[in-house]
């Protein structure tokens, strides 16, 4: 039986001080986990590291 380590979630430094409209991410060896910071009890979704890099690159250019 393997023990899954707790994910270390964090918000962007660009997130407002209210924290009411942001996502949080947790970086793992093979993927990026994404969740809604307003309701952390809801399931998160997973994105591959390559796909996350493409998304961030697109967001920076926009």
PDB file of N, CA and C in Angstrom:
ATOM      1  N   UNK A   1       0.844  -1.181   0.000  1.00  0.00           N
ATOM      2  CA  UNK A   1       0.000   0.000   0.000  1.00  0.00           C
ATOM      3  C   UNK A   1       0.889   1.243   0.000  1.00  0.00           C
ATOM      4  N   UNK A   2       0.634   2.137  -0.959  1.00  0.00           N
ATOM      5  CA  UNK A   2       1.436   3.361  -1.013  1.00  0.00           C
ATOM      6  C   UNK A   2       0.675   4.518  -0.372  1.00  0.00           C
ATOM      7  N   UNK A   3       1.418   5.392   0.251  1.00  0.00           N
ATOM      8  CA  UNK A   3       0.837   6.565   0.894  1.00  0.00           C
ATOM      9  C   UNK A   3       1.010   7.742  -0.045  1.00  0.00           C
ATOM     10  N   UNK A   4      -0.079   8.438  -0.347  1.00  0.00           N
ATOM     11  CA  UNK A   4      -0.013   9.596  -1.227  1.00  0.00           C
ATOM     12  C   UNK A   4       0.319  10.833  -0.401  1.00  0.00           C
ATOM     13  N   UNK A   5       1.364  11.551  -0.790  1.00  0.00           N
ATOM     14  CA  UNK A   5       1.717  12.760  -0.041  1.00  0.00           C
ATOM     15  C   UNK A   5       0.660  13.854  -0.239  1.00  0.00           C
ATOM     16  N   UNK A   6       0.528  14.701   0.737  1.00  0.00           N
ATOM     17  CA  UNK A   6      -0.389  15.843   0.662  1.00  0.00           C
ATOM     18  C   UNK A   6       0.114  16.808  -0.409  1.00  0.00           C
ATOM     19  N   UNK A   7      -0.802  17.325  -1.210  1.00  0.00           N
ATOM     20  CA  UNK A   7      -0.410  18.281  -2.250  1.00  0.00           C
ATOM     21  C   UNK A   7      -0.172  19.656  -1.628  1.00  0.00           C
ATOM     22  N   UNK A   8       0.828  20.359  -2.135  1.00  0.00           N
ATOM     23  CA  UNK A   8       1.134  21.722  -1.684  1.00  0.00           C
ATOM     24  C   UNK A   8       0.482  22.693  -2.671  1.00  0.00           C
ATOM     25  N   UNK A   9      -0.663  23.256  -2.290  1.00  0.00           N
ATOM     26  CA  UNK A   9      -1.417  24.161  -3.151  1.00  0.00           C
ATOM     27  C   UNK A   9      -0.943  25.595  -2.966  1.00  0.00           C
ATOM     28  N   UNK A  10      -0.902  26.366  -4.055  1.00  0.00           N
ATOM     29  CA  UNK A  10      -0.574  27.778  -3.935  1.00  0.00           C
ATOM     30  C   UNK A  10      -1.277  28.592  -5.011  1.00  0.00           C
ATOM     31  N   UNK A  11      -1.442  29.886  -4.720  1.00  0.00           N
ATOM     32  CA  UNK A  11      -2.078  30.827  -5.642  1.00  0.00           C
ATOM     33  C   UNK A  11      -1.017  31.702  -6.283  1.00  0.00           C
ATOM     34  N   UNK A  12      -1.371  32.282  -7.399  1.00  0.00           N
ATOM     35  CA  UNK A  12      -0.490  33.197  -8.102  1.00  0.00           C
ATOM     36  C   UNK A  12      -0.207  34.427  -7.246  1.00  0.00           C
ATOM     37  N   UNK A  13       0.976  34.995  -7.422  1.00  0.00           N
ATOM     38  CA  UNK A  13       1.294  36.243  -6.728  1.00  0.00           C
ATOM     39  C   UNK A  13       0.439  37.394  -7.261  1.00  0.00           C
ATOM     40  N   UNK A  14      -0.197  37.201  -8.415  1.00  0.00           N
ATOM     41  CA  UNK A  14      -1.087  38.207  -8.987  1.00  0.00           C
ATOM     42  C   UNK A  14      -2.497  38.119  -8.410  1.00  0.00           C
ATOM     43  N   UNK A  15      -2.766  37.133  -7.585  1.00  0.00           N
ATOM     44  CA  UNK A  15      -4.080  36.965  -6.983  1.00  0.00           C
ATOM     45  C   UNK A  15      -4.372  38.128  -6.044  1.00  0.00           C
ATOM     46  N   UNK A  16      -5.616  38.565  -6.047  1.00  0.00           N
ATOM     47  CA  UNK A  16      -6.010  39.661  -5.160  1.00  0.00           C
ATOM     48  C   UNK A  16      -5.947  39.253  -3.703  1.00  0.00           C
ATOM     49  N   UNK A  17      -5.917  40.212  -2.814  1.00  0.00           N
ATOM     50  CA  UNK A  17      -5.825  39.927  -1.383  1.00  0.00           C
ATOM     51  C   UNK A  17      -7.091  39.276  -0.842  1.00  0.00           C
ATOM     52  N   UNK A  18      -8.225  39.464  -1.530  1.00  0.00           N
ATOM     53  CA  UNK A  18      -9.481  38.849  -1.094  1.00  0.00           C
ATOM     54  C   UNK A  18      -9.476  37.342  -1.342  1.00  0.00           C
ATOM     55  N   UNK A  19      -8.760  36.902  -2.370  1.00  0.00           N
ATOM     56  CA  UNK A  19      -8.689  35.475  -2.676  1.00  0.00           C
ATOM     57  C   UNK A  19     -10.008  34.897  -3.133  1.00  0.00           C
ATOM     58  N   UNK A  20     -10.900  35.741  -3.665  1.00  0.00           N
ATOM     59  CA  UNK A  20     -12.242  35.266  -3.992  1.00  0.00           C
ATOM     60  C   UNK A  20     -12.444  34.889  -5.453  1.00  0.00           C
ATOM     61  N   UNK A  21     -11.461  35.064  -6.283  1.00  0.00           N
ATOM     62  CA  UNK A  21     -11.647  34.708  -7.694  1.00  0.00           C
ATOM     63  C   UNK A  21     -10.334  34.208  -8.278  1.00  0.00           C
ATOM     64  N   UNK A  22      -9.879  33.118  -7.757  1.00  0.00           N
ATOM     65  CA  UNK A  22      -8.574  32.632  -8.158  1.00  0.00           C
ATOM     66  C   UNK A  22      -8.579  31.109  -8.215  1.00  0.00           C
ATOM     67  N   UNK A  23      -7.603  30.593  -8.908  1.00  0.00           N
ATOM     68  CA  UNK A  23      -7.366  29.163  -8.862  1.00  0.00           C
ATOM     69  C   UNK A  23      -6.110  28.919  -8.043  1.00  0.00           C
ATOM     70  N   UNK A  24      -5.976  27.704  -7.595  1.00  0.00           N
ATOM     71  CA  UNK A  24      -4.763  27.274  -6.919  1.00  0.00           C
ATOM     72  C   UNK A  24      -4.199  26.113  -7.720  1.00  0.00           C
ATOM     73  N   UNK A  25      -2.880  25.983  -7.715  1.00  0.00           N
ATOM     74  CA  UNK A  25      -2.265  24.854  -8.390  1.00  0.00           C
ATOM     75  C   UNK A  25      -1.342  24.112  -7.430  1.00  0.00           C
ATOM     76  N   UNK A  26      -1.168  22.851  -7.736  1.00  0.00           N
ATOM     77  CA  UNK A  26      -0.199  22.012  -7.024  1.00  0.00           C
ATOM     78  C   UNK A  26       0.622  21.308  -8.104  1.00  0.00           C
ATOM     79  N   UNK A  27       1.917  21.388  -8.000  1.00  0.00           N
ATOM     80  CA  UNK A  27       2.811  20.800  -8.988  1.00  0.00           C
ATOM     81  C   UNK A  27       3.260  19.433  -8.497  1.00  0.00           C
ATOM     82  N   UNK A  28       3.073  18.429  -9.347  1.00  0.00           N
ATOM     83  CA  UNK A  28       3.547  17.086  -9.033  1.00  0.00           C
ATOM     84  C   UNK A  28       4.584  16.691 -10.084  1.00  0.00           C
ATOM     85  N   UNK A  29       5.150  15.547  -9.923  1.00  0.00           N
ATOM     86  CA  UNK A  29       6.212  15.107 -10.830  1.00  0.00           C
ATOM     87  C   UNK A  29       5.744  15.048 -12.287  1.00  0.00           C
ATOM     88  N   UNK A  30       4.515  14.609 -12.509  1.00  0.00           N
ATOM     89  CA  UNK A  30       4.047  14.384 -13.879  1.00  0.00           C
ATOM     90  C   UNK A  30       2.933  15.318 -14.329  1.00  0.00           C
ATOM     91  N   UNK A  31       2.382  16.125 -13.434  1.00  0.00           N
ATOM     92  CA  UNK A  31       1.211  16.918 -13.813  1.00  0.00           C
ATOM     93  C   UNK A  31       1.054  18.144 -12.923  1.00  0.00           C
ATOM     94  N   UNK A  32       0.141  19.005 -13.356  1.00  0.00           N
ATOM     95  CA  UNK A  32      -0.260  20.170 -12.577  1.00  0.00           C
ATOM     96  C   UNK A  32      -1.709  19.943 -12.173  1.00  0.00           C
ATOM     97  N   UNK A  33      -2.003  20.094 -10.905  1.00  0.00           N
ATOM     98  CA  UNK A  33      -3.373  19.949 -10.395  1.00  0.00           C
ATOM     99  C   UNK A  33      -3.942  21.353 -10.218  1.00  0.00           C
ATOM    100  N   UNK A  34      -5.184  21.541 -10.604  1.00  0.00           N
ATOM    101  CA  UNK A  34      -5.810  22.864 -10.572  1.00  0.00           C
ATOM    102  C   UNK A  34      -7.128  22.762  -9.820  1.00  0.00           C
ATOM    103  N   UNK A  35      -7.384  23.731  -8.916  1.00  0.00           N
ATOM    104  CA  UNK A  35      -8.654  23.747  -8.187  1.00  0.00           C
ATOM    105  C   UNK A  35      -9.125  25.181  -7.981  1.00  0.00           C
ATOM    106  N   UNK A  36     -10.390  25.312  -7.654  1.00  0.00           N
ATOM    107  CA  UNK A  36     -11.023  26.603  -7.379  1.00  0.00           C
ATOM    108  C   UNK A  36     -10.714  26.988  -5.938  1.00  0.00           C
ATOM    109  N   UNK A  37     -10.126  28.153  -5.738  1.00  0.00           N
ATOM    110  CA  UNK A  37      -9.757  28.569  -4.377  1.00  0.00           C
ATOM    111  C   UNK A  37     -10.968  28.902  -3.513  1.00  0.00           C
ATOM    112  N   UNK A  38     -12.116  29.157  -4.129  1.00  0.00           N
ATOM    113  CA  UNK A  38     -13.322  29.481  -3.354  1.00  0.00           C
ATOM    114  C   UNK A  38     -13.961  28.238  -2.748  1.00  0.00           C
ATOM    115  N   UNK A  39     -13.730  27.079  -3.359  1.00  0.00           N
ATOM    116  CA  UNK A  39     -14.330  25.844  -2.867  1.00  0.00           C
ATOM    117  C   UNK A  39     -13.340  24.696  -3.042  1.00  0.00           C
ATOM    118  N   UNK A  40     -12.432  24.583  -2.110  1.00  0.00           N
ATOM    119  CA  UNK A  40     -11.374  23.579  -2.204  1.00  0.00           C
ATOM    120  C   UNK A  40     -11.867  22.158  -1.943  1.00  0.00           C
ATOM    121  N   UNK A  41     -13.128  22.005  -1.560  1.00  0.00           N
ATOM    122  CA  UNK A  41     -13.670  20.673  -1.347  1.00  0.00           C
ATOM    123  C   UNK A  41     -14.115  20.027  -2.654  1.00  0.00           C
ATOM    124  N   UNK A  42     -14.296  20.841  -3.698  1.00  0.00           N
ATOM    125  CA  UNK A  42     -14.678  20.293  -4.999  1.00  0.00           C
ATOM    126  C   UNK A  42     -13.481  19.579  -5.615  1.00  0.00           C
ATOM    127  N   UNK A  43     -13.746  18.624  -6.483  1.00  0.00           N
ATOM    128  CA  UNK A  43     -12.627  17.913  -7.119  1.00  0.00           C
ATOM    129  C   UNK A  43     -11.769  18.847  -7.969  1.00  0.00           C
ATOM    130  N   UNK A  44     -10.488  18.573  -8.005  1.00  0.00           N
ATOM    131  CA  UNK A  44      -9.582  19.336  -8.857  1.00  0.00           C
ATOM    132  C   UNK A  44      -9.429  18.607 -10.182  1.00  0.00           C
ATOM    133  N   UNK A  45      -8.826  19.282 -11.169  1.00  0.00           N
ATOM    134  CA  UNK A  45      -8.524  18.587 -12.409  1.00  0.00           C
ATOM    135  C   UNK A  45      -7.025  18.600 -12.636  1.00  0.00           C
ATOM    136  N   UNK A  46      -6.585  17.709 -13.506  1.00  0.00           N
ATOM    137  CA  UNK A  46      -5.165  17.509 -13.738  1.00  0.00           C
ATOM    138  C   UNK A  46      -4.825  17.832 -15.184  1.00  0.00           C
ATOM    139  N   UNK A  47      -3.713  18.518 -15.364  1.00  0.00           N
ATOM    140  CA  UNK A  47      -3.217  18.892 -16.684  1.00  0.00           C
ATOM    141  C   UNK A  47      -1.774  18.422 -16.784  1.00  0.00           C
ATOM    142  N   UNK A  48      -1.402  17.885 -17.918  1.00  0.00           N
ATOM    143  CA  UNK A  48      -0.014  17.477 -18.131  1.00  0.00           C
ATOM    144  C   UNK A  48       0.921  18.686 -18.072  1.00  0.00           C
ATOM    145  N   UNK A  49       2.157  18.451 -17.705  1.00  0.00           N
ATOM    146  CA  UNK A  49       3.124  19.558 -17.570  1.00  0.00           C
ATOM    147  C   UNK A  49       3.347  20.269 -18.902  1.00  0.00           C
ATOM    148  N   UNK A  50       3.409  19.527 -19.999  1.00  0.00           N
ATOM    149  CA  UNK A  50       3.605  20.128 -21.317  1.00  0.00           C
ATOM    150  C   UNK A  50       2.413  21.018 -21.682  1.00  0.00           C
ATOM    151  N   UNK A  51       1.211  20.528 -21.450  1.00  0.00           N
ATOM    152  CA  UNK A  51       0.008  21.298 -21.750  1.00  0.00           C
ATOM    153  C   UNK A  51      -0.097  22.542 -20.871  1.00  0.00           C
ATOM    154  N   UNK A  52       0.296  22.419 -19.606  1.00  0.00           N
ATOM    155  CA  UNK A  52       0.286  23.575 -18.700  1.00  0.00           C
ATOM    156  C   UNK A  52       1.257  24.644 -19.199  1.00  0.00           C
ATOM    157  N   UNK A  53       2.435  24.233 -19.627  1.00  0.00           N
ATOM    158  CA  UNK A  53       3.421  25.185 -20.147  1.00  0.00           C
ATOM    159  C   UNK A  53       2.883  25.919 -21.373  1.00  0.00           C
ATOM    160  N   UNK A  54       2.195  25.199 -22.254  1.00  0.00           N
ATOM    161  CA  UNK A  54       1.605  25.853 -23.429  1.00  0.00           C
ATOM    162  C   UNK A  54       0.522  26.834 -23.011  1.00  0.00           C
ATOM    163  N   UNK A  55      -0.302  26.458 -22.046  1.00  0.00           N
ATOM    164  CA  UNK A  55      -1.353  27.356 -21.560  1.00  0.00           C
ATOM    165  C   UNK A  55      -0.749  28.633 -20.967  1.00  0.00           C
ATOM    166  N   UNK A  56       0.240  28.489 -20.119  1.00  0.00           N
ATOM    167  CA  UNK A  56       0.869  29.651 -19.484  1.00  0.00           C
ATOM    168  C   UNK A  56       1.511  30.544 -20.543  1.00  0.00           C
ATOM    169  N   UNK A  57       2.189  29.929 -21.520  1.00  0.00           N
ATOM    170  CA  UNK A  57       2.796  30.702 -22.598  1.00  0.00           C
ATOM    171  C   UNK A  57       1.748  31.513 -23.359  1.00  0.00           C
ATOM    172  N   UNK A  58       0.611  30.903 -23.629  1.00  0.00           N
ATOM    173  CA  UNK A  58      -0.475  31.600 -24.309  1.00  0.00           C
ATOM    174  C   UNK A  58      -1.018  32.718 -23.442  1.00  0.00           C
ATOM    175  N   UNK A  59      -1.204  32.475 -22.166  1.00  0.00           N
ATOM    176  CA  UNK A  59      -1.754  33.487 -21.255  1.00  0.00           C
ATOM    177  C   UNK A  59      -0.822  34.686 -21.136  1.00  0.00           C
ATOM    178  N   UNK A  60       0.473  34.455 -21.136  1.00  0.00           N
ATOM    179  CA  UNK A  60       1.452  35.544 -21.034  1.00  0.00           C
ATOM    180  C   UNK A  60       1.412  36.418 -22.286  1.00  0.00           C
ATOM    181  N   UNK A  61       1.233  35.799 -23.440  1.00  0.00           N
ATOM    182  CA  UNK A  61       1.193  36.539 -24.695  1.00  0.00           C
ATOM    183  C   UNK A  61      -0.090  37.335 -24.867  1.00  0.00           C
ATOM    184  N   UNK A  62      -1.153  36.907 -24.236  1.00  0.00           N
ATOM    185  CA  UNK A  62      -2.471  37.542 -24.424  1.00  0.00           C
ATOM    186  C   UNK A  62      -2.560  38.908 -23.811  1.00  0.00           C
TER     187      UNK A  62
END
